[in-house]
Amino acid sequence: AVIASREALVRDLAALGFDVLPSTANFVFARHSDRDAQALAVALRQRGIIVRHFQQARIRQFLRISVGTDAQCQALVGALREILVP
């Protein structure tokens, strides 16, 4: 179930303009080419969705996104659509 959810999440994130690193874990590392990762994390938190953002130079523009249930992943993607396409 996690694999299927992760694959769907990766497809949805890519459709929104994210670059997603390959993953075999229960999370993905993703960055958006046009949006600051910290600003995205803050905007998601304001909508009740928590993703990890790190300050280390090499990964500063990435978000660590846990693979949740299909409903949780859909909520994340919906919130990102609101943020990215106002």
PDB file of N, CA and C in Angstrom:
ATOM      1  N   ALA A   1       0.835  -1.195   0.000  1.00  0.00           N
ATOM      2  CA  ALA A   1       0.000   0.000   0.000  1.00  0.00           C
ATOM      3  C   ALA A   1       0.876   1.253   0.000  1.00  0.00           C
ATOM      4  N   VAL A   2       1.966   1.223   0.788  1.00  0.00           N
ATOM      5  CA  VAL A   2       2.853   2.391   0.840  1.00  0.00           C
ATOM      6  C   VAL A   2       3.496   2.633  -0.524  1.00  0.00           C
ATOM      7  N   ILE A   3       3.883   1.568  -1.194  1.00  0.00           N
ATOM      8  CA  ILE A   3       4.518   1.707  -2.506  1.00  0.00           C
ATOM      9  C   ILE A   3       3.561   2.355  -3.495  1.00  0.00           C
ATOM     10  N   ALA A   4       2.321   1.880  -3.536  1.00  0.00           N
ATOM     11  CA  ALA A   4       1.330   2.440  -4.457  1.00  0.00           C
ATOM     12  C   ALA A   4       1.046   3.901  -4.114  1.00  0.00           C
ATOM     13  N   SER A   5       0.906   4.212  -2.832  1.00  0.00           N
ATOM     14  CA  SER A   5       0.661   5.593  -2.415  1.00  0.00           C
ATOM     15  C   SER A   5       1.843   6.478  -2.771  1.00  0.00           C
ATOM     16  N   ARG A   6       3.063   5.972  -2.550  1.00  0.00           N
ATOM     17  CA  ARG A   6       4.263   6.756  -2.867  1.00  0.00           C
ATOM     18  C   ARG A   6       4.336   7.035  -4.365  1.00  0.00           C
ATOM     19  N   GLU A   7       4.068   6.036  -5.182  1.00  0.00           N
ATOM     20  CA  GLU A   7       4.133   6.224  -6.630  1.00  0.00           C
ATOM     21  C   GLU A   7       3.101   7.251  -7.103  1.00  0.00           C
ATOM     22  N   ALA A   8       1.895   7.194  -6.548  1.00  0.00           N
ATOM     23  CA  ALA A   8       0.858   8.164  -6.910  1.00  0.00           C
ATOM     24  C   ALA A   8       1.262   9.563  -6.449  1.00  0.00           C
ATOM     25  N   LEU A   9       1.814   9.664  -5.249  1.00  0.00           N
ATOM     26  CA  LEU A   9       2.255  10.952  -4.725  1.00  0.00           C
ATOM     27  C   LEU A   9       3.354  11.544  -5.600  1.00  0.00           C
ATOM     28  N   VAL A  10       4.305  10.737  -6.003  1.00  0.00           N
ATOM     29  CA  VAL A  10       5.396  11.207  -6.868  1.00  0.00           C
ATOM     30  C   VAL A  10       4.832  11.729  -8.187  1.00  0.00           C
ATOM     31  N   ARG A  11       3.872  11.005  -8.773  1.00  0.00           N
ATOM     32  CA  ARG A  11       3.258  11.458 -10.032  1.00  0.00           C
ATOM     33  C   ARG A  11       2.549  12.804  -9.835  1.00  0.00           C
ATOM     34  N   ASP A  12       1.791  12.914  -8.742  1.00  0.00           N
ATOM     35  CA  ASP A  12       1.051  14.148  -8.477  1.00  0.00           C
ATOM     36  C   ASP A  12       1.997  15.322  -8.222  1.00  0.00           C
ATOM     37  N   LEU A  13       3.071  15.083  -7.469  1.00  0.00           N
ATOM     38  CA  LEU A  13       4.042  16.151  -7.210  1.00  0.00           C
ATOM     39  C   LEU A  13       4.740  16.577  -8.497  1.00  0.00           C
ATOM     40  N   ALA A  14       5.103  15.619  -9.323  1.00  0.00           N
ATOM     41  CA  ALA A  14       5.759  15.935 -10.592  1.00  0.00           C
ATOM     42  C   ALA A  14       4.825  16.766 -11.478  1.00  0.00           C
ATOM     43  N   ALA A  15       3.537  16.453 -11.466  1.00  0.00           N
ATOM     44  CA  ALA A  15       2.563  17.209 -12.259  1.00  0.00           C
ATOM     45  C   ALA A  15       2.448  18.659 -11.781  1.00  0.00           C
ATOM     46  N   LEU A  16       2.788  18.896 -10.512  1.00  0.00           N
ATOM     47  CA  LEU A  16       2.752  20.248  -9.950  1.00  0.00           C
ATOM     48  C   LEU A  16       4.092  20.983 -10.107  1.00  0.00           C
ATOM     49  N   GLY A  17       5.047  20.350 -10.786  1.00  0.00           N
ATOM     50  CA  GLY A  17       6.328  21.003 -11.040  1.00  0.00           C
ATOM     51  C   GLY A  17       7.428  20.682 -10.053  1.00  0.00           C
ATOM     52  N   PHE A  18       7.241  19.650  -9.241  1.00  0.00           N
ATOM     53  CA  PHE A  18       8.267  19.250  -8.282  1.00  0.00           C
ATOM     54  C   PHE A  18       9.245  18.280  -8.915  1.00  0.00           C
ATOM     55  N   ASP A  19      10.494  18.384  -8.513  1.00  0.00           N
ATOM     56  CA  ASP A  19      11.503  17.368  -8.804  1.00  0.00           C
ATOM     57  C   ASP A  19      11.524  16.473  -7.580  1.00  0.00           C
ATOM     58  N   VAL A  20      11.337  15.175  -7.782  1.00  0.00           N
ATOM     59  CA  VAL A  20      11.272  14.240  -6.661  1.00  0.00           C
ATOM     60  C   VAL A  20      12.421  13.242  -6.801  1.00  0.00           C
ATOM     61  N   LEU A  21      13.218  13.136  -5.750  1.00  0.00           N
ATOM     62  CA  LEU A  21      14.321  12.177  -5.782  1.00  0.00           C
ATOM     63  C   LEU A  21      13.786  10.762  -5.676  1.00  0.00           C
ATOM     64  N   PRO A  22      14.455   9.800  -6.300  1.00  0.00           N
ATOM     65  CA  PRO A  22      14.017   8.411  -6.185  1.00  0.00           C
ATOM     66  C   PRO A  22      13.982   7.975  -4.720  1.00  0.00           C
ATOM     67  N   SER A  23      12.963   7.186  -4.367  1.00  0.00           N
ATOM     68  CA  SER A  23      12.807   6.758  -2.982  1.00  0.00           C
ATOM     69  C   SER A  23      12.258   5.343  -2.918  1.00  0.00           C
ATOM     70  N   THR A  24      12.778   4.586  -1.961  1.00  0.00           N
ATOM     71  CA  THR A  24      12.195   3.285  -1.642  1.00  0.00           C
ATOM     72  C   THR A  24      11.730   3.279  -0.191  1.00  0.00           C
ATOM     73  N   ALA A  25      11.656   4.462   0.397  1.00  0.00           N
ATOM     74  CA  ALA A  25      11.277   4.615   1.803  1.00  0.00           C
ATOM     75  C   ALA A  25       9.811   5.043   1.911  1.00  0.00           C
ATOM     76  N   ASN A  26       9.389   5.344   3.137  1.00  0.00           N
ATOM     77  CA  ASN A  26       8.015   5.798   3.360  1.00  0.00           C
ATOM     78  C   ASN A  26       7.934   7.327   3.320  1.00  0.00           C
ATOM     79  N   PHE A  27       8.866   7.942   2.607  1.00  0.00           N
ATOM     80  CA  PHE A  27       8.857   9.389   2.415  1.00  0.00           C
ATOM     81  C   PHE A  27       9.525   9.701   1.081  1.00  0.00           C
ATOM     82  N   VAL A  28       9.302  10.948   0.624  1.00  0.00           N
ATOM     83  CA  VAL A  28       9.976  11.418  -0.582  1.00  0.00           C
ATOM     84  C   VAL A  28      10.650  12.747  -0.263  1.00  0.00           C
ATOM     85  N   PHE A  29      11.677  13.054  -1.010  1.00  0.00           N
ATOM     86  CA  PHE A  29      12.376  14.326  -0.948  1.00  0.00           C
ATOM     87  C   PHE A  29      12.025  15.045  -2.244  1.00  0.00           C
ATOM     88  N   ALA A  30      11.439  16.235  -2.129  1.00  0.00           N
ATOM     89  CA  ALA A  30      10.986  16.933  -3.327  1.00  0.00           C
ATOM     90  C   ALA A  30      11.310  18.419  -3.228  1.00  0.00           C
ATOM     91  N   ARG A  31      11.558  19.018  -4.397  1.00  0.00           N
ATOM     92  CA  ARG A  31      11.776  20.463  -4.453  1.00  0.00           C
ATOM     93  C   ARG A  31      11.024  21.002  -5.658  1.00  0.00           C
ATOM     94  N   HIS A  32      10.623  22.259  -5.522  1.00  0.00           N
ATOM     95  CA  HIS A  32       9.933  22.940  -6.614  1.00  0.00           C
ATOM     96  C   HIS A  32      10.901  23.950  -7.216  1.00  0.00           C
ATOM     97  N   SER A  33      10.990  23.959  -8.521  1.00  0.00           N
ATOM     98  CA  SER A  33      11.982  24.812  -9.175  1.00  0.00           C
ATOM     99  C   SER A  33      11.676  26.304  -9.024  1.00  0.00           C
ATOM    100  N   ASP A  34      10.408  26.664  -8.800  1.00  0.00           N
ATOM    101  CA  ASP A  34      10.034  28.077  -8.747  1.00  0.00           C
ATOM    102  C   ASP A  34       9.642  28.576  -7.362  1.00  0.00           C
ATOM    103  N   ARG A  35       9.578  27.705  -6.375  1.00  0.00           N
ATOM    104  CA  ARG A  35       9.097  28.104  -5.051  1.00  0.00           C
ATOM    105  C   ARG A  35      10.098  27.735  -3.973  1.00  0.00           C
ATOM    106  N   ASP A  36      10.217  28.591  -2.986  1.00  0.00           N
ATOM    107  CA  ASP A  36      11.107  28.361  -1.863  1.00  0.00           C
ATOM    108  C   ASP A  36      10.519  27.275  -0.957  1.00  0.00           C
ATOM    109  N   ALA A  37      11.334  26.313  -0.592  1.00  0.00           N
ATOM    110  CA  ALA A  37      10.868  25.186   0.216  1.00  0.00           C
ATOM    111  C   ALA A  37      10.363  25.627   1.585  1.00  0.00           C
ATOM    112  N   GLN A  38      11.045  26.552   2.218  1.00  0.00           N
ATOM    113  CA  GLN A  38      10.611  26.998   3.535  1.00  0.00           C
ATOM    114  C   GLN A  38       9.249  27.686   3.444  1.00  0.00           C
ATOM    115  N   ALA A  39       9.044  28.499   2.425  1.00  0.00           N
ATOM    116  CA  ALA A  39       7.758  29.168   2.245  1.00  0.00           C
ATOM    117  C   ALA A  39       6.648  28.148   1.992  1.00  0.00           C
ATOM    118  N   LEU A  40       6.948  27.114   1.231  1.00  0.00           N
ATOM    119  CA  LEU A  40       5.959  26.052   1.004  1.00  0.00           C
ATOM    120  C   LEU A  40       5.629  25.335   2.302  1.00  0.00           C
ATOM    121  N   ALA A  41       6.643  25.032   3.099  1.00  0.00           N
ATOM    122  CA  ALA A  41       6.415  24.348   4.375  1.00  0.00           C
ATOM    123  C   ALA A  41       5.533  25.189   5.291  1.00  0.00           C
ATOM    124  N   VAL A  42       5.779  26.493   5.325  1.00  0.00           N
ATOM    125  CA  VAL A  42       4.975  27.392   6.163  1.00  0.00           C
ATOM    126  C   VAL A  42       3.535  27.437   5.656  1.00  0.00           C
ATOM    127  N   ALA A  43       3.357  27.563   4.353  1.00  0.00           N
ATOM    128  CA  ALA A  43       2.013  27.620   3.781  1.00  0.00           C
ATOM    129  C   ALA A  43       1.245  26.316   4.026  1.00  0.00           C
ATOM    130  N   LEU A  44       1.931  25.197   3.951  1.00  0.00           N
ATOM    131  CA  LEU A  44       1.287  23.914   4.243  1.00  0.00           C
ATOM    132  C   LEU A  44       0.914  23.822   5.716  1.00  0.00           C
ATOM    133  N   ARG A  45       1.810  24.259   6.589  1.00  0.00           N
ATOM    134  CA  ARG A  45       1.531  24.220   8.036  1.00  0.00           C
ATOM    135  C   ARG A  45       0.295  25.055   8.363  1.00  0.00           C
ATOM    136  N   GLN A  46       0.136  26.184   7.694  1.00  0.00           N
ATOM    137  CA  GLN A  46      -1.040  27.031   7.909  1.00  0.00           C
ATOM    138  C   GLN A  46      -2.327  26.304   7.520  1.00  0.00           C
ATOM    139  N   ARG A  47      -2.200  25.299   6.679  1.00  0.00           N
ATOM    140  CA  ARG A  47      -3.342  24.499   6.263  1.00  0.00           C
ATOM    141  C   ARG A  47      -3.438  23.187   7.042  1.00  0.00           C
ATOM    142  N   GLY A  48      -2.623  23.058   8.081  1.00  0.00           N
ATOM    143  CA  GLY A  48      -2.670  21.873   8.923  1.00  0.00           C
ATOM    144  C   GLY A  48      -1.905  20.672   8.403  1.00  0.00           C
ATOM    145  N   ILE A  49      -1.004  20.907   7.449  1.00  0.00           N
ATOM    146  CA  ILE A  49      -0.203  19.826   6.868  1.00  0.00           C
ATOM    147  C   ILE A  49       1.257  20.096   7.204  1.00  0.00           C
ATOM    148  N   ILE A  50       1.877  19.123   7.838  1.00  0.00           N
ATOM    149  CA  ILE A  50       3.261  19.302   8.284  1.00  0.00           C
ATOM    150  C   ILE A  50       4.196  18.452   7.435  1.00  0.00           C
ATOM    151  N   VAL A  51       5.182  19.123   6.853  1.00  0.00           N
ATOM    152  CA  VAL A  51       6.266  18.451   6.132  1.00  0.00           C
ATOM    153  C   VAL A  51       7.562  18.945   6.753  1.00  0.00           C
ATOM    154  N   ARG A  52       8.619  18.199   6.562  1.00  0.00           N
ATOM    155  CA  ARG A  52       9.913  18.597   7.143  1.00  0.00           C
ATOM    156  C   ARG A  52      10.674  19.473   6.169  1.00  0.00           C
ATOM    157  N   HIS A  53      11.255  20.525   6.713  1.00  0.00           N
ATOM    158  CA  HIS A  53      12.142  21.396   5.954  1.00  0.00           C
ATOM    159  C   HIS A  53      13.441  21.497   6.740  1.00  0.00           C
ATOM    160  N   PHE A  54      14.554  21.428   6.041  1.00  0.00           N
ATOM    161  CA  PHE A  54      15.864  21.452   6.682  1.00  0.00           C
ATOM    162  C   PHE A  54      16.632  22.690   6.251  1.00  0.00           C
ATOM    163  N   GLN A  55      17.524  23.178   7.102  1.00  0.00           N
ATOM    164  CA  GLN A  55      18.306  24.374   6.806  1.00  0.00           C
ATOM    165  C   GLN A  55      19.690  24.067   6.225  1.00  0.00           C
ATOM    166  N   GLN A  56      20.095  22.804   6.177  1.00  0.00           N
ATOM    167  CA  GLN A  56      21.411  22.473   5.641  1.00  0.00           C
ATOM    168  C   GLN A  56      21.490  22.875   4.164  1.00  0.00           C
ATOM    169  N   ALA A  57      22.631  23.418   3.775  1.00  0.00           N
ATOM    170  CA  ALA A  57      22.801  24.004   2.444  1.00  0.00           C
ATOM    171  C   ALA A  57      22.399  23.061   1.306  1.00  0.00           C
ATOM    172  N   ARG A  58      22.831  21.827   1.356  1.00  0.00           N
ATOM    173  CA  ARG A  58      22.576  20.911   0.235  1.00  0.00           C
ATOM    174  C   ARG A  58      21.106  20.551   0.069  1.00  0.00           C
ATOM    175  N   ILE A  59      20.344  20.630   1.148  1.00  0.00           N
ATOM    176  CA  ILE A  59      18.942  20.210   1.069  1.00  0.00           C
ATOM    177  C   ILE A  59      17.963  21.326   1.444  1.00  0.00           C
ATOM    178  N   ARG A  60      18.428  22.540   1.477  1.00  0.00           N
ATOM    179  CA  ARG A  60      17.605  23.681   1.901  1.00  0.00           C
ATOM    180  C   ARG A  60      16.347  23.846   1.045  1.00  0.00           C
ATOM    181  N   GLN A  61      16.394  23.504  -0.208  1.00  0.00           N
ATOM    182  CA  GLN A  61      15.234  23.684  -1.082  1.00  0.00           C
ATOM    183  C   GLN A  61      14.382  22.420  -1.228  1.00  0.00           C
ATOM    184  N   PHE A  62      14.646  21.434  -0.381  1.00  0.00           N
ATOM    185  CA  PHE A  62      13.861  20.200  -0.429  1.00  0.00           C
ATOM    186  C   PHE A  62      12.896  20.119   0.748  1.00  0.00           C
ATOM    187  N   LEU A  63      11.806  19.426   0.517  1.00  0.00           N
ATOM    188  CA  LEU A  63      10.867  19.066   1.572  1.00  0.00           C
ATOM    189  C   LEU A  63      10.897  17.565   1.724  1.00  0.00           C
ATOM    190  N   ARG A  64      10.859  17.104   2.966  1.00  0.00           N
ATOM    191  CA  ARG A  64      10.737  15.668   3.237  1.00  0.00           C
ATOM    192  C   ARG A  64       9.269  15.428   3.521  1.00  0.00           C
ATOM    193  N   ILE A  65       8.639  14.671   2.652  1.00  0.00           N
ATOM    194  CA  ILE A  65       7.205  14.452   2.724  1.00  0.00           C
ATOM    195  C   ILE A  65       6.943  12.979   3.021  1.00  0.00           C
ATOM    196  N   SER A  66       6.322  12.719   4.164  1.00  0.00           N
ATOM    197  CA  SER A  66       5.978  11.345   4.523  1.00  0.00           C
ATOM    198  C   SER A  66       4.831  10.861   3.654  1.00  0.00           C
ATOM    199  N   VAL A  67       4.892   9.594   3.288  1.00  0.00           N
ATOM    200  CA  VAL A  67       3.808   8.978   2.527  1.00  0.00           C
ATOM    201  C   VAL A  67       2.760   8.515   3.532  1.00  0.00           C
ATOM    202  N   GLY A  68       1.606   9.139   3.486  1.00  0.00           N
ATOM    203  CA  GLY A  68       0.511   8.770   4.378  1.00  0.00           C
ATOM    204  C   GLY A  68      -0.499   7.907   3.652  1.00  0.00           C
ATOM    205  N   THR A  69      -1.711   7.969   4.139  1.00  0.00           N
ATOM    206  CA  THR A  69      -2.800   7.270   3.463  1.00  0.00           C
ATOM    207  C   THR A  69      -3.102   7.989   2.148  1.00  0.00           C
ATOM    208  N   ASP A  70      -3.886   7.350   1.297  1.00  0.00           N
ATOM    209  CA  ASP A  70      -4.256   8.005   0.044  1.00  0.00           C
ATOM    210  C   ASP A  70      -4.972   9.322   0.322  1.00  0.00           C
ATOM    211  N   ALA A  71      -5.844   9.342   1.323  1.00  0.00           N
ATOM    212  CA  ALA A  71      -6.575  10.566   1.664  1.00  0.00           C
ATOM    213  C   ALA A  71      -5.620  11.664   2.140  1.00  0.00           C
ATOM    214  N   GLN A  72      -4.622  11.298   2.926  1.00  0.00           N
ATOM    215  CA  GLN A  72      -3.650  12.282   3.398  1.00  0.00           C
ATOM    216  C   GLN A  72      -2.820  12.828   2.240  1.00  0.00           C
ATOM    217  N   CYS A  73      -2.424  11.952   1.345  1.00  0.00           N
ATOM    218  CA  CYS A  73      -1.646  12.396   0.182  1.00  0.00           C
ATOM    219  C   CYS A  73      -2.491  13.305  -0.703  1.00  0.00           C
ATOM    220  N   GLN A  74      -3.761  12.983  -0.869  1.00  0.00           N
ATOM    221  CA  GLN A  74      -4.645  13.827  -1.674  1.00  0.00           C
ATOM    222  C   GLN A  74      -4.844  15.186  -1.017  1.00  0.00           C
ATOM    223  N   ALA A  75      -4.922  15.220   0.314  1.00  0.00           N
ATOM    224  CA  ALA A  75      -5.045  16.497   1.033  1.00  0.00           C
ATOM    225  C   ALA A  75      -3.799  17.347   0.806  1.00  0.00           C
ATOM    226  N   LEU A  76      -2.623  16.728   0.855  1.00  0.00           N
ATOM    227  CA  LEU A  76      -1.369  17.438   0.601  1.00  0.00           C
ATOM    228  C   LEU A  76      -1.356  18.011  -0.808  1.00  0.00           C
ATOM    229  N   VAL A  77      -1.679  17.192  -1.783  1.00  0.00           N
ATOM    230  CA  VAL A  77      -1.654  17.641  -3.177  1.00  0.00           C
ATOM    231  C   VAL A  77      -2.683  18.752  -3.395  1.00  0.00           C
ATOM    232  N   GLY A  78      -3.852  18.626  -2.781  1.00  0.00           N
ATOM    233  CA  GLY A  78      -4.861  19.673  -2.896  1.00  0.00           C
ATOM    234  C   GLY A  78      -4.379  20.985  -2.305  1.00  0.00           C
ATOM    235  N   ALA A  79      -3.733  20.917  -1.150  1.00  0.00           N
ATOM    236  CA  ALA A  79      -3.192  22.123  -0.521  1.00  0.00           C
ATOM    237  C   ALA A  79      -2.093  22.734  -1.384  1.00  0.00           C
ATOM    238  N   LEU A  80      -1.242  21.908  -1.953  1.00  0.00           N
ATOM    239  CA  LEU A  80      -0.193  22.421  -2.832  1.00  0.00           C
ATOM    240  C   LEU A  80      -0.781  23.090  -4.068  1.00  0.00           C
ATOM    241  N   ARG A  81      -1.861  22.534  -4.605  1.00  0.00           N
ATOM    242  CA  ARG A  81      -2.516  23.173  -5.759  1.00  0.00           C
ATOM    243  C   ARG A  81      -3.015  24.567  -5.378  1.00  0.00           C
ATOM    244  N   GLU A  82      -3.613  24.694  -4.183  1.00  0.00           N
ATOM    245  CA  GLU A  82      -4.079  26.002  -3.713  1.00  0.00           C
ATOM    246  C   GLU A  82      -2.922  26.991  -3.600  1.00  0.00           C
ATOM    247  N   ILE A  83      -1.804  26.516  -3.087  1.00  0.00           N
ATOM    248  CA  ILE A  83      -0.643  27.377  -2.868  1.00  0.00           C
ATOM    249  C   ILE A  83       0.023  27.768  -4.189  1.00  0.00           C
ATOM    250  N   LEU A  84       0.191  26.797  -5.072  1.00  0.00           N
ATOM    251  CA  LEU A  84       0.936  27.027  -6.298  1.00  0.00           C
ATOM    252  C   LEU A  84       0.115  27.668  -7.404  1.00  0.00           C
ATOM    253  N   VAL A  85      -1.181  27.447  -7.388  1.00  0.00           N
ATOM    254  CA  VAL A  85      -2.056  27.983  -8.439  1.00  0.00           C
ATOM    255  C   VAL A  85      -3.158  28.782  -7.777  1.00  0.00           C
ATOM    256  N   PRO A  86      -2.829  29.993  -7.316  1.00  0.00           N
ATOM    257  CA  PRO A  86      -3.839  30.790  -6.586  1.00  0.00           C
ATOM    258  C   PRO A  86      -4.992  31.245  -7.470  1.00  0.00           C
TER     259      PRO A  86
END
